[in-house]
Every structure is written in C-alpha cells, then in structure tokens.
PDB file of N, CA and C in Angstrom:
ATOM      1  N   MET A   1     174.859 100.336 163.662  1.00  0.00           N
ATOM      2  CA  MET A   1     173.665 100.890 162.721  1.00  0.00           C
ATOM      3  C   MET A   1     172.994 102.208 164.003  1.00  0.00           C
ATOM      4  N   ALA A   2     172.824 103.113 163.732  1.00  0.00           N
ATOM      5  CA  ALA A   2     171.177 103.847 164.159  1.00  0.00           C
ATOM      6  C   ALA A   2     170.078 103.655 163.776  1.00  0.00           C
ATOM      7  N   LYS A   3     169.153 103.052 164.554  1.00  0.00           N
ATOM      8  CA  LYS A   3     167.822 103.603 164.941  1.00  0.00           C
ATOM      9  C   LYS A   3     167.383 104.558 164.642  1.00  0.00           C
ATOM     10  N   VAL A   4     166.205 104.397 163.452  1.00  0.00           N
ATOM     11  CA  VAL A   4     165.395 105.834 163.163  1.00  0.00           C
ATOM     12  C   VAL A   4     163.863 105.736 163.534  1.00  0.00           C
ATOM     13  N   MET A   5     163.473 106.679 164.618  1.00  0.00           N
ATOM     14  CA  MET A   5     162.095 106.827 164.979  1.00  0.00           C
ATOM     15  C   MET A   5     161.676 107.702 163.866  1.00  0.00           C
ATOM     16  N   PHE A   6     160.247 107.394 163.309  1.00  0.00           N
ATOM     17  CA  PHE A   6     159.705 108.380 162.462  1.00  0.00           C
ATOM     18  C   PHE A   6     158.252 108.623 163.124  1.00  0.00           C
ATOM     19  N   SER A   7     157.502 109.514 163.654  1.00  0.00           N
ATOM     20  CA  SER A   7     156.178 109.603 164.628  1.00  0.00           C
ATOM     21  C   SER A   7     155.222 110.261 163.871  1.00  0.00           C
ATOM     22  N   VAL A   8     154.190 109.994 164.238  1.00  0.00           N
ATOM     23  CA  VAL A   8     153.228 111.114 163.355  1.00  0.00           C
ATOM     24  C   VAL A   8     152.091 111.351 164.420  1.00  0.00           C
ATOM     25  N   ALA A   9     151.788 112.271 164.627  1.00  0.00           N
ATOM     26  CA  ALA A   9     150.908 113.085 166.281  1.00  0.00           C
ATOM     27  C   ALA A   9     149.651 113.530 164.977  1.00  0.00           C
ATOM     28  N   TYR A  10     148.280 113.340 165.902  1.00  0.00           N
ATOM     29  CA  TYR A  10     147.256 114.124 165.445  1.00  0.00           C
ATOM     30  C   TYR A  10     146.294 113.510 166.721  1.00  0.00           C
ATOM     31  N   GLU A  11     145.021 114.525 166.474  1.00  0.00           N
ATOM     32  CA  GLU A  11     143.773 113.896 167.324  1.00  0.00           C
ATOM     33  C   GLU A  11     142.807 113.555 166.242  1.00  0.00           C
ATOM     34  N   ILE A  12     142.355 112.762 166.856  1.00  0.00           N
ATOM     35  CA  ILE A  12     140.916 112.226 166.312  1.00  0.00           C
ATOM     36  C   ILE A  12     139.497 112.277 166.833  1.00  0.00           C
ATOM     37  N   PRO A  13     138.564 113.225 165.894  1.00  0.00           N
ATOM     38  CA  PRO A  13     137.201 113.377 166.435  1.00  0.00           C
ATOM     39  C   PRO A  13     136.550 111.898 167.534  1.00  0.00           C
ATOM     40  N   GLU A  14     135.886 112.394 168.158  1.00  0.00           N
ATOM     41  CA  GLU A  14     135.565 111.248 168.925  1.00  0.00           C
ATOM     42  C   GLU A  14     134.347 110.639 168.020  1.00  0.00           C
ATOM     43  N   SER A  15     133.515 111.582 167.208  1.00  0.00           N
ATOM     44  CA  SER A  15     132.847 110.394 166.289  1.00  0.00           C
ATOM     45  C   SER A  15     133.432 109.556 165.488  1.00  0.00           C
ATOM     46  N   ALA A  16     134.477 109.607 165.174  1.00  0.00           N
ATOM     47  CA  ALA A  16     135.804 108.803 164.079  1.00  0.00           C
ATOM     48  C   ALA A  16     136.593 107.714 164.980  1.00  0.00           C
ATOM     49  N   ARG A  17     136.657 107.912 166.170  1.00  0.00           N
ATOM     50  CA  ARG A  17     137.492 106.814 167.085  1.00  0.00           C
ATOM     51  C   ARG A  17     137.555 105.458 166.775  1.00  0.00           C
ATOM     52  N   ALA A  18     135.990 104.744 166.707  1.00  0.00           N
ATOM     53  CA  ALA A  18     135.887 103.570 166.612  1.00  0.00           C
ATOM     54  C   ALA A  18     136.805 102.721 164.586  1.00  0.00           C
ATOM     55  N   GLN A  19     135.995 104.066 163.906  1.00  0.00           N
ATOM     56  CA  GLN A  19     136.788 104.146 162.453  1.00  0.00           C
ATOM     57  C   GLN A  19     138.664 104.269 162.524  1.00  0.00           C
ATOM     58  N   TYR A  20     138.657 105.097 163.328  1.00  0.00           N
ATOM     59  CA  TYR A  20     140.398 104.876 163.140  1.00  0.00           C
ATOM     60  C   TYR A  20     140.832 103.773 163.637  1.00  0.00           C
ATOM     61  N   LEU A  21     140.193 103.256 165.309  1.00  0.00           N
ATOM     62  CA  LEU A  21     140.841 101.793 165.464  1.00  0.00           C
ATOM     63  C   LEU A  21     140.600 100.959 164.335  1.00  0.00           C
ATOM     64  N   ASN A  22     139.672 100.878 163.601  1.00  0.00           N
ATOM     65  CA  ASN A  22     139.955  99.760 163.044  1.00  0.00           C
ATOM     66  C   ASN A  22     140.614  99.853 161.662  1.00  0.00           C
ATOM     67  N   LEU A  23     140.484 101.161 161.597  1.00  0.00           N
ATOM     68  CA  LEU A  23     142.197 101.712 160.502  1.00  0.00           C
ATOM     69  C   LEU A  23     143.229 100.828 160.713  1.00  0.00           C
ATOM     70  N   VAL A  24     143.708 100.990 161.936  1.00  0.00           N
ATOM     71  CA  VAL A  24     144.858 101.016 162.588  1.00  0.00           C
ATOM     72  C   VAL A  24     145.073  99.589 162.322  1.00  0.00           C
ATOM     73  N   ALA A  25     143.878  99.124 162.955  1.00  0.00           N
ATOM     74  CA  ALA A  25     144.619  97.764 163.112  1.00  0.00           C
ATOM     75  C   ALA A  25     144.517  96.985 161.881  1.00  0.00           C
ATOM     76  N   GLN A  26     143.997  97.482 160.702  1.00  0.00           N
ATOM     77  CA  GLN A  26     144.227  96.861 159.475  1.00  0.00           C
ATOM     78  C   GLN A  26     145.566  97.252 158.682  1.00  0.00           C
ATOM     79  N   LEU A  27     146.311  97.894 159.387  1.00  0.00           N
ATOM     80  CA  LEU A  27     147.428  98.820 158.676  1.00  0.00           C
ATOM     81  C   LEU A  27     148.362  98.361 159.586  1.00  0.00           C
ATOM     82  N   LYS A  28     148.262  98.136 160.489  1.00  0.00           N
ATOM     83  CA  LYS A  28     149.697  97.448 161.554  1.00  0.00           C
ATOM     84  C   LYS A  28     149.962  95.969 161.102  1.00  0.00           C
ATOM     85  N   PRO A  29     149.577  95.295 160.273  1.00  0.00           N
ATOM     86  CA  PRO A  29     149.945  94.093 159.918  1.00  0.00           C
ATOM     87  C   PRO A  29     151.236  94.193 158.562  1.00  0.00           C
ATOM     88  N   LEU A  30     150.524  95.536 158.360  1.00  0.00           N
ATOM     89  CA  LEU A  30     151.139  95.721 156.556  1.00  0.00           C
ATOM     90  C   LEU A  30     152.599  96.627 157.125  1.00  0.00           C
ATOM     91  N   LEU A  31     152.638  97.167 157.855  1.00  0.00           N
ATOM     92  CA  LEU A  31     153.806  98.137 158.538  1.00  0.00           C
ATOM     93  C   LEU A  31     154.799  97.240 159.075  1.00  0.00           C
ATOM     94  N   ASN A  32     154.171  96.189 160.016  1.00  0.00           N
ATOM     95  CA  ASN A  32     155.393  95.517 160.726  1.00  0.00           C
ATOM     96  C   ASN A  32     156.079  94.606 159.882  1.00  0.00           C
ATOM     97  N   THR A  33     156.966  95.099 158.937  1.00  0.00           N
ATOM     98  CA  THR A  33     157.588  94.120 157.844  1.00  0.00           C
ATOM     99  C   THR A  33     159.320  94.298 157.893  1.00  0.00           C
ATOM    100  N   HIS A  34     159.874  93.445 157.420  1.00  0.00           N
ATOM    101  CA  HIS A  34     161.461  93.969 157.104  1.00  0.00           C
ATOM    102  C   HIS A  34     162.036  94.604 158.395  1.00  0.00           C
ATOM    103  N   GLY A  35     161.651  94.260 159.441  1.00  0.00           N
ATOM    104  CA  GLY A  35     162.535  94.866 160.503  1.00  0.00           C
ATOM    105  C   GLY A  35     162.152  96.374 161.371  1.00  0.00           C
ATOM    106  N   THR A  36     161.140  96.397 160.369  1.00  0.00           N
ATOM    107  CA  THR A  36     160.373  97.740 160.984  1.00  0.00           C
ATOM    108  C   THR A  36     159.136  97.266 162.009  1.00  0.00           C
ATOM    109  N   VAL A  37     159.149  98.441 162.626  1.00  0.00           N
ATOM    110  CA  VAL A  37     158.115  98.114 164.027  1.00  0.00           C
ATOM    111  C   VAL A  37     156.897  99.637 163.795  1.00  0.00           C
ATOM    112  N   TYR A  38     155.994  99.172 163.970  1.00  0.00           N
ATOM    113  CA  TYR A  38     154.836 100.055 163.703  1.00  0.00           C
ATOM    114  C   TYR A  38     154.070  99.898 164.933  1.00  0.00           C
ATOM    115  N   SER A  39     153.705 100.705 165.742  1.00  0.00           N
ATOM    116  CA  SER A  39     152.793 101.114 167.116  1.00  0.00           C
ATOM    117  C   SER A  39     151.757 102.316 166.973  1.00  0.00           C
ATOM    118  N   VAL A  40     150.869 102.039 167.533  1.00  0.00           N
ATOM    119  CA  VAL A  40     150.169 103.212 167.735  1.00  0.00           C
ATOM    120  C   VAL A  40     149.967 103.851 169.099  1.00  0.00           C
ATOM    121  N   TYR A  41     150.048 104.466 169.704  1.00  0.00           N
ATOM    122  CA  TYR A  41     149.646 104.773 170.902  1.00  0.00           C
ATOM    123  C   TYR A  41     149.091 106.473 171.362  1.00  0.00           C
ATOM    124  N   GLN A  42     147.817 106.011 172.654  1.00  0.00           N
ATOM    125  CA  GLN A  42     147.087 107.165 172.611  1.00  0.00           C
ATOM    126  C   GLN A  42     148.077 108.296 173.948  1.00  0.00           C
ATOM    127  N   VAL A  43     148.002 109.474 173.866  1.00  0.00           N
ATOM    128  CA  VAL A  43     148.812 110.063 174.497  1.00  0.00           C
ATOM    129  C   VAL A  43     148.042 110.225 175.788  1.00  0.00           C
ATOM    130  N   GLU A  44     148.939 109.999 177.152  1.00  0.00           N
ATOM    131  CA  GLU A  44     148.056 109.975 178.046  1.00  0.00           C
ATOM    132  C   GLU A  44     147.485 111.235 178.410  1.00  0.00           C
ATOM    133  N   ASN A  45     146.473 110.835 179.302  1.00  0.00           N
ATOM    134  CA  ASN A  45     145.351 112.251 179.579  1.00  0.00           C
ATOM    135  C   ASN A  45     145.037 113.164 178.610  1.00  0.00           C
ATOM    136  N   LYS A  46     144.982 112.674 177.095  1.00  0.00           N
ATOM    137  CA  LYS A  46     144.544 113.608 175.979  1.00  0.00           C
ATOM    138  C   LYS A  46     143.813 112.396 175.294  1.00  0.00           C
ATOM    139  N   HIS A  47     142.218 112.356 175.295  1.00  0.00           N
ATOM    140  CA  HIS A  47     141.703 111.526 174.685  1.00  0.00           C
ATOM    141  C   HIS A  47     141.549 111.664 173.380  1.00  0.00           C
ATOM    142  N   ASN A  48     141.133 111.048 172.658  1.00  0.00           N
ATOM    143  CA  ASN A  48     141.861 110.974 171.080  1.00  0.00           C
ATOM    144  C   ASN A  48     142.809 111.763 170.809  1.00  0.00           C
ATOM    145  N   HIS A  49     144.311 111.802 171.740  1.00  0.00           N
ATOM    146  CA  HIS A  49     145.086 112.342 170.589  1.00  0.00           C
ATOM    147  C   HIS A  49     146.185 110.818 170.327  1.00  0.00           C
ATOM    148  N   PHE A  50     146.771 111.029 169.547  1.00  0.00           N
ATOM    149  CA  PHE A  50     147.219 109.291 168.935  1.00  0.00           C
ATOM    150  C   PHE A  50     148.989 109.966 168.615  1.00  0.00           C
ATOM    151  N   GLN A  51     149.549 108.844 168.481  1.00  0.00           N
ATOM    152  CA  GLN A  51     150.975 108.818 167.774  1.00  0.00           C
ATOM    153  C   GLN A  51     151.274 107.905 167.419  1.00  0.00           C
ATOM    154  N   GLU A  52     151.624 107.655 166.167  1.00  0.00           N
ATOM    155  CA  GLU A  52     152.297 106.404 165.441  1.00  0.00           C
ATOM    156  C   GLU A  52     153.680 106.436 165.531  1.00  0.00           C
ATOM    157  N   VAL A  53     154.399 105.344 165.898  1.00  0.00           N
ATOM    158  CA  VAL A  53     155.580 105.439 165.892  1.00  0.00           C
ATOM    159  C   VAL A  53     156.027 104.467 164.996  1.00  0.00           C
ATOM    160  N   TYR A  54     157.020 104.914 164.413  1.00  0.00           N
ATOM    161  CA  TYR A  54     157.639 103.281 163.518  1.00  0.00           C
ATOM    162  C   TYR A  54     159.045 103.356 163.890  1.00  0.00           C
ATOM    163  N   ILE A  55     159.499 102.611 163.626  1.00  0.00           N
ATOM    164  CA  ILE A  55     160.775 101.712 164.245  1.00  0.00           C
ATOM    165  C   ILE A  55     161.643 101.484 163.343  1.00  0.00           C
ATOM    166  N   TYR A  56     162.612 102.089 162.593  1.00  0.00           N
ATOM    167  CA  TYR A  56     163.522 101.001 161.655  1.00  0.00           C
ATOM    168  C   TYR A  56     164.780 101.073 162.360  1.00  0.00           C
ATOM    169  N   PRO A  57     165.250  99.729 161.752  1.00  0.00           N
ATOM    170  CA  PRO A  57     166.198  98.980 162.322  1.00  0.00           C
ATOM    171  C   PRO A  57     167.640  99.708 162.203  1.00  0.00           C
ATOM    172  N   ASN A  58     167.704 100.614 160.779  1.00  0.00           N
ATOM    173  CA  ASN A  58     168.939 101.598 160.327  1.00  0.00           C
ATOM    174  C   ASN A  58     168.162 102.581 159.207  1.00  0.00           C
ATOM    175  N   GLU A  59     169.355 103.334 159.041  1.00  0.00           N
ATOM    176  CA  GLU A  59     168.849 104.592 158.400  1.00  0.00           C
ATOM    177  C   GLU A  59     168.553 104.513 156.977  1.00  0.00           C
ATOM    178  N   GLU A  60     169.209 103.228 156.705  1.00  0.00           N
ATOM    179  CA  GLU A  60     168.862 102.766 155.619  1.00  0.00           C
ATOM    180  C   GLU A  60     167.697 102.330 155.268  1.00  0.00           C
ATOM    181  N   ALA A  61     166.653 101.574 155.976  1.00  0.00           N
ATOM    182  CA  ALA A  61     165.784 100.662 156.009  1.00  0.00           C
ATOM    183  C   ALA A  61     164.676 102.028 156.389  1.00  0.00           C
ATOM    184  N   TYR A  62     164.630 103.213 157.195  1.00  0.00           N
ATOM    185  CA  TYR A  62     164.124 104.227 156.739  1.00  0.00           C
ATOM    186  C   TYR A  62     164.044 105.290 155.641  1.00  0.00           C
ATOM    187  N   GLU A  63     165.185 105.318 154.762  1.00  0.00           N
ATOM    188  CA  GLU A  63     164.859 105.601 153.297  1.00  0.00           C
ATOM    189  C   GLU A  63     164.429 104.992 152.239  1.00  0.00           C
ATOM    190  N   ALA A  64     164.644 103.599 152.737  1.00  0.00           N
ATOM    191  CA  ALA A  64     164.126 102.713 151.675  1.00  0.00           C
ATOM    192  C   ALA A  64     162.379 102.776 151.938  1.00  0.00           C
ATOM    193  N   ALA A  65     162.201 103.123 153.339  1.00  0.00           N
ATOM    194  CA  ALA A  65     160.646 102.729 153.110  1.00  0.00           C
ATOM    195  C   ALA A  65     159.717 103.530 152.358  1.00  0.00           C
ATOM    196  N   GLU A  66     160.170 104.886 151.605  1.00  0.00           N
ATOM    197  CA  GLU A  66     159.248 105.147 150.791  1.00  0.00           C
ATOM    198  C   GLU A  66     159.463 104.584 149.359  1.00  0.00           C
ATOM    199  N   ASP A  67     160.489 103.873 149.030  1.00  0.00           N
ATOM    200  CA  ASP A  67     160.413 103.728 148.043  1.00  0.00           C
ATOM    201  C   ASP A  67     159.729 102.124 147.696  1.00  0.00           C
ATOM    202  N   VAL A  68     159.071 101.578 148.687  1.00  0.00           N
ATOM    203  CA  VAL A  68     158.451 100.420 148.961  1.00  0.00           C
ATOM    204  C   VAL A  68     156.843 100.650 148.572  1.00  0.00           C
ATOM    205  N   GLU A  69     156.483 100.115 147.404  1.00  0.00           N
ATOM    206  CA  GLU A  69     155.040 100.157 146.879  1.00  0.00           C
ATOM    207  C   GLU A  69     154.152  99.351 147.709  1.00  0.00           C
ATOM    208  N   ASN A  70     153.066 100.151 148.304  1.00  0.00           N
ATOM    209  CA  ASN A  70     152.305  98.976 149.104  1.00  0.00           C
ATOM    210  C   ASN A  70     151.023 100.149 148.920  1.00  0.00           C
ATOM    211  N   PRO A  71     150.278  99.763 147.906  1.00  0.00           N
ATOM    212  CA  PRO A  71     148.893 100.368 148.002  1.00  0.00           C
ATOM    213  C   PRO A  71     147.753 100.166 148.463  1.00  0.00           C
ATOM    214  N   GLN A  72     147.679  99.104 149.271  1.00  0.00           N
ATOM    215  CA  GLN A  72     146.596  98.670 150.326  1.00  0.00           C
ATOM    216  C   GLN A  72     147.315  99.634 151.631  1.00  0.00           C
ATOM    217  N   ALA A  73     148.304  99.810 152.212  1.00  0.00           N
ATOM    218  CA  ALA A  73     149.084 100.347 153.129  1.00  0.00           C
ATOM    219  C   ALA A  73     148.678 101.863 153.093  1.00  0.00           C
ATOM    220  N   ASP A  74     149.293 102.201 151.764  1.00  0.00           N
ATOM    221  CA  ASP A  74     148.980 103.796 151.301  1.00  0.00           C
ATOM    222  C   ASP A  74     147.598 104.180 151.436  1.00  0.00           C
ATOM    223  N   ALA A  75     146.442 103.531 151.125  1.00  0.00           N
ATOM    224  CA  ALA A  75     145.316 103.643 150.960  1.00  0.00           C
ATOM    225  C   ALA A  75     144.769 104.172 152.783  1.00  0.00           C
ATOM    226  N   LEU A  76     145.200 102.828 153.623  1.00  0.00           N
ATOM    227  CA  LEU A  76     144.780 103.283 154.758  1.00  0.00           C
ATOM    228  C   LEU A  76     145.437 104.246 155.751  1.00  0.00           C
ATOM    229  N   VAL A  77     146.170 104.686 154.909  1.00  0.00           N
ATOM    230  CA  VAL A  77     147.490 105.674 155.642  1.00  0.00           C
ATOM    231  C   VAL A  77     146.540 106.947 155.431  1.00  0.00           C
ATOM    232  N   GLN A  78     145.839 107.028 154.121  1.00  0.00           N
ATOM    233  CA  GLN A  78     145.106 108.392 153.532  1.00  0.00           C
ATOM    234  C   GLN A  78     144.160 108.639 154.471  1.00  0.00           C
ATOM    235  N   GLN A  79     143.550 107.084 154.622  1.00  0.00           N
ATOM    236  CA  GLN A  79     142.158 107.512 155.232  1.00  0.00           C
ATOM    237  C   GLN A  79     141.975 107.644 156.834  1.00  0.00           C
ATOM    238  N   ILE A  80     143.105 107.467 157.379  1.00  0.00           N
ATOM    239  CA  ILE A  80     143.208 107.923 158.510  1.00  0.00           C
ATOM    240  C   ILE A  80     143.859 109.310 158.711  1.00  0.00           C
ATOM    241  N   TYR A  81     144.423 109.706 157.953  1.00  0.00           N
ATOM    242  CA  TYR A  81     144.781 110.766 157.858  1.00  0.00           C
ATOM    243  C   TYR A  81     143.665 112.259 158.157  1.00  0.00           C
ATOM    244  N   ALA A  82     143.036 111.622 157.109  1.00  0.00           N
ATOM    245  CA  ALA A  82     141.973 112.313 156.521  1.00  0.00           C
ATOM    246  C   ALA A  82     140.855 112.584 157.539  1.00  0.00           C
ATOM    247  N   LEU A  83     141.021 111.489 158.912  1.00  0.00           N
ATOM    248  CA  LEU A  83     140.176 111.610 159.986  1.00  0.00           C
ATOM    249  C   LEU A  83     140.723 112.792 160.815  1.00  0.00           C
ATOM    250  N   ALA A  84     141.769 112.948 160.575  1.00  0.00           N
ATOM    251  CA  ALA A  84     142.546 114.063 162.086  1.00  0.00           C
ATOM    252  C   ALA A  84     141.376 115.206 162.252  1.00  0.00           C
ATOM    253  N   LYS A  85     141.785 115.669 163.189  1.00  0.00           N
ATOM    254  CA  LYS A  85     140.923 116.810 163.562  1.00  0.00           C
ATOM    255  C   LYS A  85     141.053 117.799 162.860  1.00  0.00           C
ATOM    256  N   ASP A  86     140.978 118.702 161.979  1.00  0.00           N
ATOM    257  CA  ASP A  86     141.354 119.809 161.194  1.00  0.00           C
ATOM    258  C   ASP A  86     142.340 119.622 160.622  1.00  0.00           C
ATOM    259  N   HIS A  87     142.396 118.653 159.972  1.00  0.00           N
ATOM    260  CA  HIS A  87     143.453 117.855 158.966  1.00  0.00           C
ATOM    261  C   HIS A  87     144.896 117.753 159.455  1.00  0.00           C
ATOM    262  N   LYS A  88     144.939 118.057 160.728  1.00  0.00           N
ATOM    263  CA  LYS A  88     146.631 118.451 161.266  1.00  0.00           C
ATOM    264  C   LYS A  88     147.379 117.522 161.848  1.00  0.00           C
ATOM    265  N   VAL A  89     148.390 116.959 160.966  1.00  0.00           N
ATOM    266  CA  VAL A  89     149.095 115.973 161.166  1.00  0.00           C
ATOM    267  C   VAL A  89     150.464 116.220 161.139  1.00  0.00           C
ATOM    268  N   THR A  90     151.309 116.299 162.544  1.00  0.00           N
ATOM    269  CA  THR A  90     152.626 116.701 162.489  1.00  0.00           C
ATOM    270  C   THR A  90     153.586 115.010 162.554  1.00  0.00           C
ATOM    271  N   TYR A  91     154.905 115.559 161.923  1.00  0.00           N
ATOM    272  CA  TYR A  91     155.677 114.529 161.754  1.00  0.00           C
ATOM    273  C   TYR A  91     156.985 114.634 162.787  1.00  0.00           C
ATOM    274  N   SER A  92     157.573 113.832 162.947  1.00  0.00           N
ATOM    275  CA  SER A  92     159.032 114.067 163.948  1.00  0.00           C
ATOM    276  C   SER A  92     160.081 112.546 163.598  1.00  0.00           C
ATOM    277  N   THR A  93     161.195 112.772 163.197  1.00  0.00           N
ATOM    278  CA  THR A  93     162.176 111.735 162.820  1.00  0.00           C
ATOM    279  C   THR A  93     163.502 111.864 163.599  1.00  0.00           C
ATOM    280  N   ILE A  94     163.758 111.014 164.351  1.00  0.00           N
ATOM    281  CA  ILE A  94     164.995 110.945 165.530  1.00  0.00           C
ATOM    282  C   ILE A  94     165.793 109.517 165.248  1.00  0.00           C
ATOM    283  N   ILE A  95     166.847 110.447 165.349  1.00  0.00           N
ATOM    284  CA  ILE A  95     168.144 109.068 164.954  1.00  0.00           C
ATOM    285  C   ILE A  95     168.631 108.464 166.590  1.00  0.00           C
ATOM    286  N   GLU A  96     168.565 107.558 166.406  1.00  0.00           N
ATOM    287  CA  GLU A  96     169.780 106.894 168.113  1.00  0.00           C
ATOM    288  C   GLU A  96     170.817 107.322 168.354  1.00  0.00           C
ATOM    289  N   ALA A  97     171.278 108.019 169.068  1.00  0.00           N
ATOM    290  CA  ALA A  97     172.566 108.556 169.444  1.00  0.00           C
ATOM    291  C   ALA A  97     173.413 107.543 169.937  1.00  0.00           C
ATOM    292  N   VAL A  98     173.023 106.870 170.599  1.00  0.00           N
ATOM    293  CA  VAL A  98     173.997 105.794 171.415  1.00  0.00           C
ATOM    294  C   VAL A  98     173.210 104.611 170.909  1.00  0.00           C
TER     295      VAL A  98
END
C-alpha cells in the first residue's frame, strides 16, 4: 500500500517564533499516532519558513485522519495557522509511487 505525505507550508513572523515552536512541541506527540509520522521542518536559507509533514502509512489512514476527533490537536493547529504571516497557508498531498 502506498504511503501518503501531506504537507503544510507557511511563514511565521519573527515575533511569534517562540510561541510557534512551543505550540508545535505540544502538537507533535498528539499527531504521532496510529502509524502517522508528524514532523516540522524549517526551509533551508529561509528563516521562519516552516513546513509540517504528515506521513501516513497508507491512503486509508490518510482518509481516516479527518474523522478522528482530537479537540486538543485541533485547537493547537488553529493557533499555529493563526500565526502564519498574512494567514497564508499552503497544502500539498502526494502519494508514494513506488
């Protein structure tokens, strides 16, 4: 079964960096469950440009993720996205080919 990678990219203002990193640290253990791997990366040579990466073990797990209720994780995600510069957040989904 093909893995699915879902990513979210945005820029965080310097003034919100510490708050952002704190929120992500709280979120990470909540999302690393049921075979899903959640990580956050800073884009090389672009200070405060971040990319969240969710790797799901298969398409079924990816599709089921939206159905899982996790109010604590949802609240953290909303706070994180509210920090995004100009509230600009981009999403991408890719499916493993081989």
